Amino acid sequence: MFLYIDSAALNVTASYSYEWNTTEVGDGTHTIRLVAYDKAGNMAETIPLSVKTVNVQKANEENYVAGMDFGLMMGWFQV
């Protein structure tokens, strides 16, 4: 069985789950599908699933909040 994420093929034979680190891919829409083959060579494929990653936006928002917290904390100490 192969898991396709965009054009990357991953052999997931005998796996029940797959952990995908989305921080390793760019922001945007990605297509995921499974393709399985039996011993007779028959093939079955799932309907492609589209997912959207927003890693850069989330990181920027977290950095902004952390910066605001730091600025407020520093301002408090300067009284």
PDB file of N, CA and C in Angstrom:
ATOM      1  N   MET A   1       0.853  -1.158   0.000  1.00  0.00           N
ATOM      2  CA  MET A   1       0.000   0.000   0.000  1.00  0.00           C
ATOM      3  C   MET A   1       0.901   1.224   0.000  1.00  0.00           C
ATOM      4  N   PHE A   2       0.514   2.216  -0.772  1.00  0.00           N
ATOM      5  CA  PHE A   2       1.290   3.446  -0.862  1.00  0.00           C
ATOM      6  C   PHE A   2       0.420   4.636  -0.502  1.00  0.00           C
ATOM      7  N   LEU A   3       0.995   5.524   0.290  1.00  0.00           N
ATOM      8  CA  LEU A   3       0.362   6.782   0.639  1.00  0.00           C
ATOM      9  C   LEU A   3       1.010   7.844  -0.228  1.00  0.00           C
ATOM     10  N   TYR A   4       0.192   8.562  -0.964  1.00  0.00           N
ATOM     11  CA  TYR A   4       0.700   9.650  -1.788  1.00  0.00           C
ATOM     12  C   TYR A   4       0.317  10.970  -1.145  1.00  0.00           C
ATOM     13  N   ILE A   5       1.317  11.781  -0.893  1.00  0.00           N
ATOM     14  CA  ILE A   5       1.097  13.155  -0.453  1.00  0.00           C
ATOM     15  C   ILE A   5       1.690  14.024  -1.546  1.00  0.00           C
ATOM     16  N   ASP A   6       0.811  14.688  -2.270  1.00  0.00           N
ATOM     17  CA  ASP A   6       1.185  15.386  -3.495  1.00  0.00           C
ATOM     18  C   ASP A   6       1.827  14.354  -4.424  1.00  0.00           C
ATOM     19  N   SER A   7       3.058  14.526  -4.834  1.00  0.00           N
ATOM     20  CA  SER A   7       3.681  13.560  -5.745  1.00  0.00           C
ATOM     21  C   SER A   7       4.614  12.585  -5.031  1.00  0.00           C
ATOM     22  N   ALA A   8       4.752  12.713  -3.710  1.00  0.00           N
ATOM     23  CA  ALA A   8       5.624  11.817  -2.940  1.00  0.00           C
ATOM     24  C   ALA A   8       4.892  10.516  -2.627  1.00  0.00           C
ATOM     25  N   ALA A   9       5.533   9.378  -2.926  1.00  0.00           N
ATOM     26  CA  ALA A   9       4.960   8.059  -2.637  1.00  0.00           C
ATOM     27  C   ALA A   9       5.666   7.459  -1.425  1.00  0.00           C
ATOM     28  N   LEU A  10       4.872   7.067  -0.428  1.00  0.00           N
ATOM     29  CA  LEU A  10       5.416   6.492   0.798  1.00  0.00           C
ATOM     30  C   LEU A  10       4.867   5.084   0.964  1.00  0.00           C
ATOM     31  N   ASN A  11       5.749   4.114   1.148  1.00  0.00           N
ATOM     32  CA  ASN A  11       5.314   2.731   1.342  1.00  0.00           C
ATOM     33  C   ASN A  11       4.812   2.585   2.776  1.00  0.00           C
ATOM     34  N   VAL A  12       3.506   2.393   2.928  1.00  0.00           N
ATOM     35  CA  VAL A  12       2.901   2.264   4.254  1.00  0.00           C
ATOM     36  C   VAL A  12       2.283   0.879   4.444  1.00  0.00           C
ATOM     37  N   THR A  13       2.817  -0.106   3.723  1.00  0.00           N
ATOM     38  CA  THR A  13       2.337  -1.479   3.843  1.00  0.00           C
ATOM     39  C   THR A  13       2.406  -1.915   5.305  1.00  0.00           C
ATOM     40  N   ALA A  14       1.347  -2.528   5.793  1.00  0.00           N
ATOM     41  CA  ALA A  14       1.227  -3.037   7.162  1.00  0.00           C
ATOM     42  C   ALA A  14       1.167  -1.925   8.207  1.00  0.00           C
ATOM     43  N   SER A  15       0.934  -0.696   7.800  1.00  0.00           N
ATOM     44  CA  SER A  15       0.784   0.414   8.747  1.00  0.00           C
ATOM     45  C   SER A  15      -0.696   0.702   8.956  1.00  0.00           C
ATOM     46  N   TYR A  16      -1.028   1.097  10.167  1.00  0.00           N
ATOM     47  CA  TYR A  16      -2.405   1.458  10.476  1.00  0.00           C
ATOM     48  C   TYR A  16      -2.589   2.962  10.567  1.00  0.00           C
ATOM     49  N   SER A  17      -1.473   3.685  10.654  1.00  0.00           N
ATOM     50  CA  SER A  17      -1.536   5.142  10.712  1.00  0.00           C
ATOM     51  C   SER A  17      -0.234   5.701  10.159  1.00  0.00           C
ATOM     52  N   TYR A  18      -0.260   6.990   9.873  1.00  0.00           N
ATOM     53  CA  TYR A  18       0.934   7.678   9.381  1.00  0.00           C
ATOM     54  C   TYR A  18       0.930   9.075   9.986  1.00  0.00           C
ATOM     55  N   GLU A  19       2.036   9.451  10.618  1.00  0.00           N
ATOM     56  CA  GLU A  19       2.147  10.781  11.197  1.00  0.00           C
ATOM     57  C   GLU A  19       2.880  11.679  10.206  1.00  0.00           C
ATOM     58  N   TRP A  20       2.210  12.710   9.763  1.00  0.00           N
ATOM     59  CA  TRP A  20       2.750  13.617   8.749  1.00  0.00           C
ATOM     60  C   TRP A  20       3.148  14.916   9.425  1.00  0.00           C
ATOM     61  N   ASN A  21       4.425  15.255   9.370  1.00  0.00           N
ATOM     62  CA  ASN A  21       4.931  16.512   9.923  1.00  0.00           C
ATOM     63  C   ASN A  21       4.716  17.597   8.877  1.00  0.00           C
ATOM     64  N   THR A  22       3.647  18.351   9.021  1.00  0.00           N
ATOM     65  CA  THR A  22       3.304  19.348   8.005  1.00  0.00           C
ATOM     66  C   THR A  22       4.231  20.552   8.003  1.00  0.00           C
ATOM     67  N   THR A  23       5.095  20.677   9.022  1.00  0.00           N
ATOM     68  CA  THR A  23       6.037  21.801   9.011  1.00  0.00           C
ATOM     69  C   THR A  23       7.123  21.610   7.957  1.00  0.00           C
ATOM     70  N   GLU A  24       7.193  20.413   7.374  1.00  0.00           N
ATOM     71  CA  GLU A  24       8.198  20.141   6.351  1.00  0.00           C
ATOM     72  C   GLU A  24       7.704  20.451   4.942  1.00  0.00           C
ATOM     73  N   VAL A  25       6.474  20.919   4.819  1.00  0.00           N
ATOM     74  CA  VAL A  25       5.924  21.271   3.504  1.00  0.00           C
ATOM     75  C   VAL A  25       5.473  22.723   3.529  1.00  0.00           C
ATOM     76  N   GLY A  26       5.360  23.305   2.367  1.00  0.00           N
ATOM     77  CA  GLY A  26       4.928  24.694   2.279  1.00  0.00           C
ATOM     78  C   GLY A  26       3.452  24.861   2.570  1.00  0.00           C
ATOM     79  N   ASP A  27       3.074  26.089   2.850  1.00  0.00           N
ATOM     80  CA  ASP A  27       1.667  26.398   3.047  1.00  0.00           C
ATOM     81  C   ASP A  27       0.909  26.189   1.743  1.00  0.00           C
ATOM     82  N   GLY A  28      -0.346  25.820   1.886  1.00  0.00           N
ATOM     83  CA  GLY A  28      -1.188  25.657   0.714  1.00  0.00           C
ATOM     84  C   GLY A  28      -1.935  24.343   0.737  1.00  0.00           C
ATOM     85  N   THR A  29      -2.531  24.019  -0.397  1.00  0.00           N
ATOM     86  CA  THR A  29      -3.346  22.824  -0.523  1.00  0.00           C
ATOM     87  C   THR A  29      -2.486  21.642  -0.946  1.00  0.00           C
ATOM     88  N   HIS A  30      -2.704  20.510  -0.309  1.00  0.00           N
ATOM     89  CA  HIS A  30      -1.981  19.280  -0.606  1.00  0.00           C
ATOM     90  C   HIS A  30      -2.997  18.163  -0.835  1.00  0.00           C
ATOM     91  N   THR A  31      -2.650  17.234  -1.704  1.00  0.00           N
ATOM     92  CA  THR A  31      -3.534  16.121  -2.037  1.00  0.00           C
ATOM     93  C   THR A  31      -2.993  14.837  -1.431  1.00  0.00           C
ATOM     94  N   ILE A  32      -3.873  14.100  -0.755  1.00  0.00           N
ATOM     95  CA  ILE A  32      -3.508  12.842  -0.107  1.00  0.00           C
ATOM     96  C   ILE A  32      -4.397  11.734  -0.662  1.00  0.00           C
ATOM     97  N   ARG A  33      -3.780  10.593  -0.970  1.00  0.00           N
ATOM     98  CA  ARG A  33      -4.560   9.431  -1.420  1.00  0.00           C
ATOM     99  C   ARG A  33      -3.803   8.161  -1.085  1.00  0.00           C
ATOM    100  N   LEU A  34      -4.519   7.047  -0.999  1.00  0.00           N
ATOM    101  CA  LEU A  34      -3.941   5.728  -0.764  1.00  0.00           C
ATOM    102  C   LEU A  34      -4.166   4.857  -1.987  1.00  0.00           C
ATOM    103  N   VAL A  35      -3.155   4.061  -2.323  1.00  0.00           N
ATOM    104  CA  VAL A  35      -3.264   3.090  -3.409  1.00  0.00           C
ATOM    105  C   VAL A  35      -2.805   1.747  -2.853  1.00  0.00           C
ATOM    106  N   ALA A  36      -3.649   0.732  -3.007  1.00  0.00           N
ATOM    107  CA  ALA A  36      -3.332  -0.608  -2.486  1.00  0.00           C
ATOM    108  C   ALA A  36      -3.358  -1.629  -3.611  1.00  0.00           C
ATOM    109  N   TYR A  37      -2.450  -2.598  -3.515  1.00  0.00           N
ATOM    110  CA  TYR A  37      -2.360  -3.698  -4.476  1.00  0.00           C
ATOM    111  C   TYR A  37      -2.465  -5.010  -3.718  1.00  0.00           C
ATOM    112  N   ASP A  38      -3.177  -5.982  -4.287  1.00  0.00           N
ATOM    113  CA  ASP A  38      -3.192  -7.307  -3.668  1.00  0.00           C
ATOM    114  C   ASP A  38      -2.196  -8.217  -4.387  1.00  0.00           C
ATOM    115  N   LYS A  39      -2.070  -9.460  -3.919  1.00  0.00           N
ATOM    116  CA  LYS A  39      -1.085 -10.376  -4.498  1.00  0.00           C
ATOM    117  C   LYS A  39      -1.379 -10.725  -5.950  1.00  0.00           C
ATOM    118  N   ALA A  40      -2.614 -10.580  -6.366  1.00  0.00           N
ATOM    119  CA  ALA A  40      -2.984 -10.862  -7.760  1.00  0.00           C
ATOM    120  C   ALA A  40      -2.714  -9.675  -8.674  1.00  0.00           C
ATOM    121  N   GLY A  41      -2.290  -8.556  -8.086  1.00  0.00           N
ATOM    122  CA  GLY A  41      -1.992  -7.380  -8.887  1.00  0.00           C
ATOM    123  C   GLY A  41      -3.163  -6.428  -9.059  1.00  0.00           C
ATOM    124  N   ASN A  42      -4.290  -6.713  -8.397  1.00  0.00           N
ATOM    125  CA  ASN A  42      -5.429  -5.801  -8.455  1.00  0.00           C
ATOM    126  C   ASN A  42      -5.109  -4.538  -7.668  1.00  0.00           C
ATOM    127  N   MET A  43      -5.645  -3.425  -8.117  1.00  0.00           N
ATOM    128  CA  MET A  43      -5.358  -2.139  -7.493  1.00  0.00           C
ATOM    129  C   MET A  43      -6.652  -1.462  -7.064  1.00  0.00           C
ATOM    130  N   ALA A  44      -6.621  -0.815  -5.906  1.00  0.00           N
ATOM    131  CA  ALA A  44      -7.734   0.002  -5.431  1.00  0.00           C
ATOM    132  C   ALA A  44      -7.150   1.325  -4.948  1.00  0.00           C
ATOM    133  N   GLU A  45      -7.908   2.378  -5.146  1.00  0.00           N
ATOM    134  CA  GLU A  45      -7.412   3.715  -4.808  1.00  0.00           C
ATOM    135  C   GLU A  45      -8.521   4.506  -4.119  1.00  0.00           C
ATOM    136  N   THR A  46      -8.144   5.285  -3.102  1.00  0.00           N
ATOM    137  CA  THR A  46      -9.118   6.139  -2.438  1.00  0.00           C
ATOM    138  C   THR A  46      -9.390   7.375  -3.286  1.00  0.00           C
ATOM    139  N   ILE A  47     -10.466   8.025  -2.994  1.00  0.00           N
ATOM    140  CA  ILE A  47     -10.743   9.330  -3.603  1.00  0.00           C
ATOM    141  C   ILE A  47      -9.744  10.311  -3.001  1.00  0.00           C
ATOM    142  N   PRO A  48      -9.093  11.133  -3.817  1.00  0.00           N
ATOM    143  CA  PRO A  48      -8.113  12.083  -3.271  1.00  0.00           C
ATOM    144  C   PRO A  48      -8.749  13.032  -2.249  1.00  0.00           C
ATOM    145  N   LEU A  49      -8.001  13.314  -1.207  1.00  0.00           N
ATOM    146  CA  LEU A  49      -8.429  14.217  -0.157  1.00  0.00           C
ATOM    147  C   LEU A  49      -7.538  15.444  -0.210  1.00  0.00           C
ATOM    148  N   SER A  50      -8.124  16.621  -0.181  1.00  0.00           N
ATOM    149  CA  SER A  50      -7.347  17.859  -0.164  1.00  0.00           C
ATOM    150  C   SER A  50      -7.296  18.415   1.242  1.00  0.00           C
ATOM    151  N   VAL A  51      -6.094  18.787   1.667  1.00  0.00           N
ATOM    152  CA  VAL A  51      -5.908  19.422   2.972  1.00  0.00           C
ATOM    153  C   VAL A  51      -5.112  20.704   2.775  1.00  0.00           C
ATOM    154  N   LYS A  52      -5.318  21.654   3.658  1.00  0.00           N
ATOM    155  CA  LYS A  52      -4.610  22.935   3.555  1.00  0.00           C
ATOM    156  C   LYS A  52      -3.729  23.112   4.784  1.00  0.00           C
ATOM    157  N   THR A  53      -2.447  23.410   4.567  1.00  0.00           N
ATOM    158  CA  THR A  53      -1.528  23.674   5.670  1.00  0.00           C
ATOM    159  C   THR A  53      -1.282  25.175   5.772  1.00  0.00           C
ATOM    160  N   VAL A  54      -1.146  25.668   6.994  1.00  0.00           N
ATOM    161  CA  VAL A  54      -0.900  27.095   7.235  1.00  0.00           C
ATOM    162  C   VAL A  54       0.188  27.260   8.296  1.00  0.00           C
ATOM    163  N   ASN A  55       1.310  26.616   8.094  1.00  0.00           N
ATOM    164  CA  ASN A  55       2.408  26.640   9.062  1.00  0.00           C
ATOM    165  C   ASN A  55       3.032  28.016   9.229  1.00  0.00           C
ATOM    166  N   VAL A  56       3.320  28.711   8.128  1.00  0.00           N
ATOM    167  CA  VAL A  56       4.013  29.999   8.202  1.00  0.00           C
ATOM    168  C   VAL A  56       3.128  31.030   8.881  1.00  0.00           C
ATOM    169  N   GLN A  57       1.854  31.077   8.526  1.00  0.00           N
ATOM    170  CA  GLN A  57       0.931  32.031   9.142  1.00  0.00           C
ATOM    171  C   GLN A  57       0.836  31.781  10.642  1.00  0.00           C
ATOM    172  N   LYS A  58       0.712  30.520  11.032  1.00  0.00           N
ATOM    173  CA  LYS A  58       0.603  30.181  12.457  1.00  0.00           C
ATOM    174  C   LYS A  58       1.875  30.571  13.201  1.00  0.00           C
ATOM    175  N   ALA A  59       3.043  30.284  12.630  1.00  0.00           N
ATOM    176  CA  ALA A  59       4.310  30.637  13.273  1.00  0.00           C
ATOM    177  C   ALA A  59       4.429  32.154  13.431  1.00  0.00           C
ATOM    178  N   ASN A  60       4.031  32.904  12.403  1.00  0.00           N
ATOM    179  CA  ASN A  60       4.090  34.361  12.492  1.00  0.00           C
ATOM    180  C   ASN A  60       3.169  34.879  13.581  1.00  0.00           C
ATOM    181  N   GLU A  61       1.963  34.311  13.684  1.00  0.00           N
ATOM    182  CA  GLU A  61       1.026  34.725  14.725  1.00  0.00           C
ATOM    183  C   GLU A  61       1.579  34.405  16.112  1.00  0.00           C
ATOM    184  N   GLU A  62       2.182  33.216  16.288  1.00  0.00           N
ATOM    185  CA  GLU A  62       2.744  32.840  17.577  1.00  0.00           C
ATOM    186  C   GLU A  62       3.917  33.749  17.951  1.00  0.00           C
ATOM    187  N   ASN A  63       4.765  34.088  16.973  1.00  0.00           N
ATOM    188  CA  ASN A  63       5.890  34.979  17.239  1.00  0.00           C
ATOM    189  C   ASN A  63       5.406  36.371  17.606  1.00  0.00           C
ATOM    190  N   TYR A  64       4.337  36.828  16.948  1.00  0.00           N
ATOM    191  CA  TYR A  64       3.785  38.149  17.250  1.00  0.00           C
ATOM    192  C   TYR A  64       3.278  38.185  18.689  1.00  0.00           C
ATOM    193  N   VAL A  65       2.523  37.158  19.086  1.00  0.00           N
ATOM    194  CA  VAL A  65       1.985  37.102  20.445  1.00  0.00           C
ATOM    195  C   VAL A  65       3.130  37.012  21.453  1.00  0.00           C
ATOM    196  N   ALA A  66       4.134  36.197  21.179  1.00  0.00           N
ATOM    197  CA  ALA A  66       5.272  36.072  22.088  1.00  0.00           C
ATOM    198  C   ALA A  66       6.002  37.409  22.209  1.00  0.00           C
ATOM    199  N   GLY A  67       6.151  38.119  21.105  1.00  0.00           N
ATOM    200  CA  GLY A  67       6.793  39.436  21.121  1.00  0.00           C
ATOM    201  C   GLY A  67       5.995  40.449  21.920  1.00  0.00           C
ATOM    202  N   MET A  68       4.671  40.399  21.778  1.00  0.00           N
ATOM    203  CA  MET A  68       3.814  41.307  22.544  1.00  0.00           C
ATOM    204  C   MET A  68       3.932  40.999  24.031  1.00  0.00           C
ATOM    205  N   ASP A  69       3.911  39.719  24.394  1.00  0.00           N
ATOM    206  CA  ASP A  69       4.046  39.336  25.801  1.00  0.00           C
ATOM    207  C   ASP A  69       5.379  39.816  26.364  1.00  0.00           C
ATOM    208  N   PHE A  70       6.451  39.648  25.594  1.00  0.00           N
ATOM    209  CA  PHE A  70       7.771  40.065  26.038  1.00  0.00           C
ATOM    210  C   PHE A  70       7.814  41.576  26.218  1.00  0.00           C
ATOM    211  N   GLY A  71       7.239  42.306  25.267  1.00  0.00           N
ATOM    212  CA  GLY A  71       7.214  43.773  25.349  1.00  0.00           C
ATOM    213  C   GLY A  71       6.426  44.253  26.557  1.00  0.00           C
ATOM    214  N   LEU A  72       5.297  43.635  26.837  1.00  0.00           N
ATOM    215  CA  LEU A  72       4.505  44.005  27.999  1.00  0.00           C
ATOM    216  C   LEU A  72       5.257  43.694  29.284  1.00  0.00           C
ATOM    217  N   MET A  73       5.951  42.554  29.318  1.00  0.00           N
ATOM    218  CA  MET A  73       6.697  42.176  30.496  1.00  0.00           C
ATOM    219  C   MET A  73       7.851  43.153  30.724  1.00  0.00           C
ATOM    220  N   MET A  74       8.559  43.525  29.677  1.00  0.00           N
ATOM    221  CA  MET A  74       9.680  44.452  29.817  1.00  0.00           C
ATOM    222  C   MET A  74       9.184  45.823  30.252  1.00  0.00           C
ATOM    223  N   GLY A  75       8.047  46.253  29.702  1.00  0.00           N
ATOM    224  CA  GLY A  75       7.472  47.536  30.083  1.00  0.00           C
ATOM    225  C   GLY A  75       7.094  47.555  31.549  1.00  0.00           C
ATOM    226  N   TRP A  76       6.639  46.433  32.085  1.00  0.00           N
ATOM    227  CA  TRP A  76       6.248  46.337  33.476  1.00  0.00           C
ATOM    228  C   TRP A  76       7.458  46.520  34.385  1.00  0.00           C
ATOM    229  N   PHE A  77       8.611  45.973  33.953  1.00  0.00           N
ATOM    230  CA  PHE A  77       9.816  46.080  34.776  1.00  0.00           C
ATOM    231  C   PHE A  77      10.446  47.468  34.713  1.00  0.00           C
ATOM    232  N   GLN A  78      10.085  48.293  33.756  1.00  0.00           N
ATOM    233  CA  GLN A  78      10.704  49.600  33.598  1.00  0.00           C
ATOM    234  C   GLN A  78       9.973  50.699  34.371  1.00  0.00           C
ATOM    235  N   VAL A  79       9.022  50.372  35.181  1.00  0.00           N
ATOM    236  CA  VAL A  79       8.200  51.363  35.894  1.00  0.00           C
ATOM    237  C   VAL A  79       9.002  52.310  36.689  1.00  0.00           C
TER     238      VAL A  79
END
